Amino acid sequence: MVILPFFNKEKYKTIFDIINDHALAKLGDVFANLIYSLAISASMKHITSKKVSAAILGNAFRRSNFGKYVHVRSDLHTLADFSEALICFSILGDFLDVEKCKSILETKLIDIDINDRSELNIKSINAFQFLLDHIFTLLVNVNVSLVP
């Protein structure tokens, strides 16, 4: 389902075009929090709202297949913005929808104890890494370049 008909995914030739788009990162922040809240709610079997931290997104990015293509000294906030831009691009570009993103996260958040902060952080990082690796595969398959 095309969310924004004017969105032109063809203008993004490389992953660097995507991750350096600040508008994508801003809207991606909303998408990341939405899919995270939905996945946590599904796992807990009751509605909850959860904001995903920059540490979770940044560490997930660093551990994902994208991590080896970005400067190792990038801070977690910058890496989180990259994650958010990629999530937004995959949704606006009609590669994934919100339901699919939620489902991907949910597979790694099964039986989560939301009160155990350590477990929540570890499982959340793994869940977002899994999502980012899925996005990586999608982008490689449509010939988005991995080099600037």
C-alpha atoms as a PDB file:
ATOM      1  CA  MET A   1       0.000   0.000   0.000  1.00  0.00           C
ATOM      2  CA  VAL A   2       1.475   3.320  -1.046  1.00  0.00           C
ATOM      3  CA  ILE A   3       1.262   5.722   1.896  1.00  0.00           C
ATOM      4  CA  LEU A   4       2.594   8.882   0.226  1.00  0.00           C
ATOM      5  CA  PRO A   5       2.082   8.816  -3.561  1.00  0.00           C
ATOM      6  CA  PHE A   6       4.614  11.630  -4.086  1.00  0.00           C
ATOM      7  CA  PHE A   7       7.422   9.689  -2.390  1.00  0.00           C
ATOM      8  CA  ASN A   8      10.011   8.818  -5.038  1.00  0.00           C
ATOM      9  CA  LYS A   9      12.108   5.879  -3.897  1.00  0.00           C
ATOM     10  CA  GLU A  10      14.014   5.964  -7.193  1.00  0.00           C
ATOM     11  CA  LYS A  11      15.921   9.095  -6.119  1.00  0.00           C
ATOM     12  CA  TYR A  12      17.724   7.017  -3.474  1.00  0.00           C
ATOM     13  CA  LYS A  13      20.546   5.262  -5.321  1.00  0.00           C
ATOM     14  CA  THR A  14      22.681   4.237  -2.325  1.00  0.00           C
ATOM     15  CA  ILE A  15      22.139   3.385   1.320  1.00  0.00           C
ATOM     16  CA  PHE A  16      23.950   6.642   2.073  1.00  0.00           C
ATOM     17  CA  ASP A  17      21.250   8.595   0.215  1.00  0.00           C
ATOM     18  CA  ILE A  18      18.721   6.937   2.525  1.00  0.00           C
ATOM     19  CA  ILE A  19      20.507   7.170   5.872  1.00  0.00           C
ATOM     20  CA  ASN A  20      21.527  10.803   5.336  1.00  0.00           C
ATOM     21  CA  ASP A  21      17.955  11.955   4.661  1.00  0.00           C
ATOM     22  CA  HIS A  22      16.968  13.758   7.867  1.00  0.00           C
ATOM     23  CA  ALA A  23      13.285  13.918   6.908  1.00  0.00           C
ATOM     24  CA  LEU A  24      13.211  10.127   6.603  1.00  0.00           C
ATOM     25  CA  ALA A  25      14.873   9.826  10.019  1.00  0.00           C
ATOM     26  CA  LYS A  26      12.340  12.143  11.651  1.00  0.00           C
ATOM     27  CA  LEU A  27       9.342  10.270  10.288  1.00  0.00           C
ATOM     28  CA  GLY A  28      11.170   6.989  10.885  1.00  0.00           C
ATOM     29  CA  ASP A  29      11.302   7.850  14.594  1.00  0.00           C
ATOM     30  CA  VAL A  30       7.493   7.731  14.621  1.00  0.00           C
ATOM     31  CA  PHE A  31       7.396   4.462  12.660  1.00  0.00           C
ATOM     32  CA  ALA A  32      10.040   2.848  14.911  1.00  0.00           C
ATOM     33  CA  ASN A  33       8.105   3.741  18.064  1.00  0.00           C
ATOM     34  CA  LEU A  34       4.829   2.561  16.511  1.00  0.00           C
ATOM     35  CA  ILE A  35       6.113  -0.835  15.397  1.00  0.00           C
ATOM     36  CA  TYR A  36       7.971  -1.296  18.695  1.00  0.00           C
ATOM     37  CA  SER A  37       4.833  -0.518  20.706  1.00  0.00           C
ATOM     38  CA  LEU A  38       2.777  -2.863  18.540  1.00  0.00           C
ATOM     39  CA  ALA A  39       5.309  -5.701  18.851  1.00  0.00           C
ATOM     40  CA  ILE A  40       5.620  -5.292  22.639  1.00  0.00           C
ATOM     41  CA  SER A  41       1.807  -5.122  22.926  1.00  0.00           C
ATOM     42  CA  ALA A  42       1.430  -8.309  20.884  1.00  0.00           C
ATOM     43  CA  SER A  43       4.036 -10.092  22.991  1.00  0.00           C
ATOM     44  CA  MET A  44       2.463  -8.979  26.285  1.00  0.00           C
ATOM     45  CA  LYS A  45      -1.083  -9.496  24.998  1.00  0.00           C
ATOM     46  CA  HIS A  46      -2.215  -6.065  26.125  1.00  0.00           C
ATOM     47  CA  ILE A  47      -1.900  -2.602  24.657  1.00  0.00           C
ATOM     48  CA  THR A  48       1.108  -0.595  25.727  1.00  0.00           C
ATOM     49  CA  SER A  49       3.125   2.304  24.397  1.00  0.00           C
ATOM     50  CA  LYS A  50       6.895   2.014  24.360  1.00  0.00           C
ATOM     51  CA  LYS A  51       9.494   4.386  22.983  1.00  0.00           C
ATOM     52  CA  VAL A  52      12.533   2.700  21.469  1.00  0.00           C
ATOM     53  CA  SER A  53      15.783   4.267  22.682  1.00  0.00           C
ATOM     54  CA  ALA A  54      18.636   5.548  20.566  1.00  0.00           C
ATOM     55  CA  ALA A  55      20.867   2.995  22.311  1.00  0.00           C
ATOM     56  CA  ILE A  56      18.678   0.120  21.114  1.00  0.00           C
ATOM     57  CA  LEU A  57      18.451   1.398  17.535  1.00  0.00           C
ATOM     58  CA  GLY A  58      22.108   2.430  17.399  1.00  0.00           C
ATOM     59  CA  ASN A  59      23.385  -0.897  18.690  1.00  0.00           C
ATOM     60  CA  ALA A  60      21.031  -2.776  16.370  1.00  0.00           C
ATOM     61  CA  PHE A  61      22.377  -0.776  13.414  1.00  0.00           C
ATOM     62  CA  ARG A  62      25.981  -1.387  14.438  1.00  0.00           C
ATOM     63  CA  ARG A  63      25.360  -5.164  14.679  1.00  0.00           C
ATOM     64  CA  SER A  64      23.336  -5.367  11.475  1.00  0.00           C
ATOM     65  CA  ASN A  65      24.680  -5.910   7.969  1.00  0.00           C
ATOM     66  CA  PHE A  66      24.589  -2.127   7.512  1.00  0.00           C
ATOM     67  CA  GLY A  67      27.111  -1.668  10.321  1.00  0.00           C
ATOM     68  CA  LYS A  68      30.124  -2.581   8.229  1.00  0.00           C
ATOM     69  CA  TYR A  69      29.346   0.159   5.705  1.00  0.00           C
ATOM     70  CA  VAL A  70      29.299   3.068   8.165  1.00  0.00           C
ATOM     71  CA  HIS A  71      32.129   4.777  10.035  1.00  0.00           C
ATOM     72  CA  VAL A  72      32.851   2.839  13.203  1.00  0.00           C
ATOM     73  CA  ARG A  73      33.066   5.999  15.333  1.00  0.00           C
ATOM     74  CA  SER A  74      29.522   7.128  14.633  1.00  0.00           C
ATOM     75  CA  ASP A  75      27.684   7.745  17.908  1.00  0.00           C
ATOM     76  CA  LEU A  76      24.565   5.799  18.890  1.00  0.00           C
ATOM     77  CA  HIS A  77      22.262   8.756  18.233  1.00  0.00           C
ATOM     78  CA  THR A  78      23.526   9.048  14.647  1.00  0.00           C
ATOM     79  CA  LEU A  79      23.238   5.296  14.133  1.00  0.00           C
ATOM     80  CA  ALA A  80      19.690   5.409  15.551  1.00  0.00           C
ATOM     81  CA  ASP A  81      18.817   8.109  13.008  1.00  0.00           C
ATOM     82  CA  PHE A  82      20.189   5.834  10.277  1.00  0.00           C
ATOM     83  CA  SER A  83      17.989   2.981  11.527  1.00  0.00           C
ATOM     84  CA  GLU A  84      14.939   5.236  11.569  1.00  0.00           C
ATOM     85  CA  ALA A  85      15.629   6.475   8.033  1.00  0.00           C
ATOM     86  CA  LEU A  86      15.924   2.900   6.756  1.00  0.00           C
ATOM     87  CA  ILE A  87      12.698   1.829   8.480  1.00  0.00           C
ATOM     88  CA  CYS A  88      10.867   4.832   7.044  1.00  0.00           C
ATOM     89  CA  PHE A  89      12.274   4.255   3.555  1.00  0.00           C
ATOM     90  CA  SER A  90      11.238   0.611   3.602  1.00  0.00           C
ATOM     91  CA  ILE A  91       7.672   1.559   4.544  1.00  0.00           C
ATOM     92  CA  LEU A  92       7.275   4.595   2.275  1.00  0.00           C
ATOM     93  CA  GLY A  93       9.020   2.744  -0.557  1.00  0.00           C
ATOM     94  CA  ASP A  94       6.448  -0.035  -0.203  1.00  0.00           C
ATOM     95  CA  PHE A  95       9.047  -2.712   0.577  1.00  0.00           C
ATOM     96  CA  LEU A  96       7.498  -3.429   3.982  1.00  0.00           C
ATOM     97  CA  ASP A  97       4.338  -2.365   5.755  1.00  0.00           C
ATOM     98  CA  VAL A  98       3.783  -1.605   9.427  1.00  0.00           C
ATOM     99  CA  GLU A  99       2.258  -5.052  10.051  1.00  0.00           C
ATOM    100  CA  LYS A 100       5.268  -6.853   8.545  1.00  0.00           C
ATOM    101  CA  CYS A 101       7.711  -4.709  10.555  1.00  0.00           C
ATOM    102  CA  LYS A 102       5.749  -5.454  13.729  1.00  0.00           C
ATOM    103  CA  SER A 103       5.745  -9.166  12.942  1.00  0.00           C
ATOM    104  CA  ILE A 104       9.498  -9.219  12.345  1.00  0.00           C
ATOM    105  CA  LEU A 105      10.140  -7.517  15.695  1.00  0.00           C
ATOM    106  CA  GLU A 106       7.598  -9.699  17.452  1.00  0.00           C
ATOM    107  CA  THR A 107       9.459 -12.904  16.529  1.00  0.00           C
ATOM    108  CA  LYS A 108      12.370 -11.748  18.713  1.00  0.00           C
ATOM    109  CA  LEU A 109      10.242 -10.303  21.527  1.00  0.00           C
ATOM    110  CA  ILE A 110       8.323 -13.439  22.458  1.00  0.00           C
ATOM    111  CA  ASP A 111       7.679 -13.900  26.196  1.00  0.00           C
ATOM    112  CA  ILE A 112       9.461 -10.691  27.072  1.00  0.00           C
ATOM    113  CA  ASP A 113       9.520  -9.480  30.659  1.00  0.00           C
ATOM    114  CA  ILE A 114       9.051  -5.734  30.245  1.00  0.00           C
ATOM    115  CA  ASN A 115      10.128  -5.238  33.878  1.00  0.00           C
ATOM    116  CA  ASP A 116      13.512  -6.877  33.289  1.00  0.00           C
ATOM    117  CA  ARG A 117      15.319  -3.934  31.697  1.00  0.00           C
ATOM    118  CA  SER A 118      18.376  -5.977  30.710  1.00  0.00           C
ATOM    119  CA  GLU A 119      16.308  -8.650  28.954  1.00  0.00           C
ATOM    120  CA  LEU A 120      14.155  -5.987  27.293  1.00  0.00           C
ATOM    121  CA  ASN A 121      17.218  -4.167  25.941  1.00  0.00           C
ATOM    122  CA  ILE A 122      18.957  -7.309  24.670  1.00  0.00           C
ATOM    123  CA  LYS A 123      15.843  -8.701  22.990  1.00  0.00           C
ATOM    124  CA  SER A 124      14.952  -5.287  21.553  1.00  0.00           C
ATOM    125  CA  ILE A 125      18.417  -4.841  20.042  1.00  0.00           C
ATOM    126  CA  ASN A 126      18.179  -8.329  18.533  1.00  0.00           C
ATOM    127  CA  ALA A 127      14.690  -7.599  17.194  1.00  0.00           C
ATOM    128  CA  PHE A 128      15.712  -4.360  15.483  1.00  0.00           C
ATOM    129  CA  GLN A 129      18.906  -5.966  14.161  1.00  0.00           C
ATOM    130  CA  PHE A 130      16.728  -8.692  12.627  1.00  0.00           C
ATOM    131  CA  LEU A 131      14.486  -6.037  11.053  1.00  0.00           C
ATOM    132  CA  LEU A 132      17.464  -4.057   9.717  1.00  0.00           C
ATOM    133  CA  ASP A 133      19.025  -7.211   8.268  1.00  0.00           C
ATOM    134  CA  HIS A 134      15.707  -7.918   6.543  1.00  0.00           C
ATOM    135  CA  ILE A 135      15.706  -4.375   5.126  1.00  0.00           C
ATOM    136  CA  PHE A 136      19.339  -4.836   4.038  1.00  0.00           C
ATOM    137  CA  THR A 137      18.381  -7.928   2.030  1.00  0.00           C
ATOM    138  CA  LEU A 138      15.424  -6.133   0.452  1.00  0.00           C
ATOM    139  CA  LEU A 139      17.584  -3.175  -0.607  1.00  0.00           C
ATOM    140  CA  VAL A 140      20.351  -5.375  -2.011  1.00  0.00           C
ATOM    141  CA  ASN A 141      17.728  -7.290  -4.010  1.00  0.00           C
ATOM    142  CA  VAL A 142      16.480  -4.069  -5.639  1.00  0.00           C
ATOM    143  CA  ASN A 143      20.032  -2.946  -6.417  1.00  0.00           C
ATOM    144  CA  VAL A 144      20.398  -0.094  -3.942  1.00  0.00           C
ATOM    145  CA  SER A 145      24.157   0.432  -3.869  1.00  0.00           C
ATOM    146  CA  LEU A 146      26.111  -0.225  -0.679  1.00  0.00           C
ATOM    147  CA  VAL A 147      28.855   2.219  -1.617  1.00  0.00           C
ATOM    148  CA  PRO A 148      28.584   5.994  -2.040  1.00  0.00           C
END
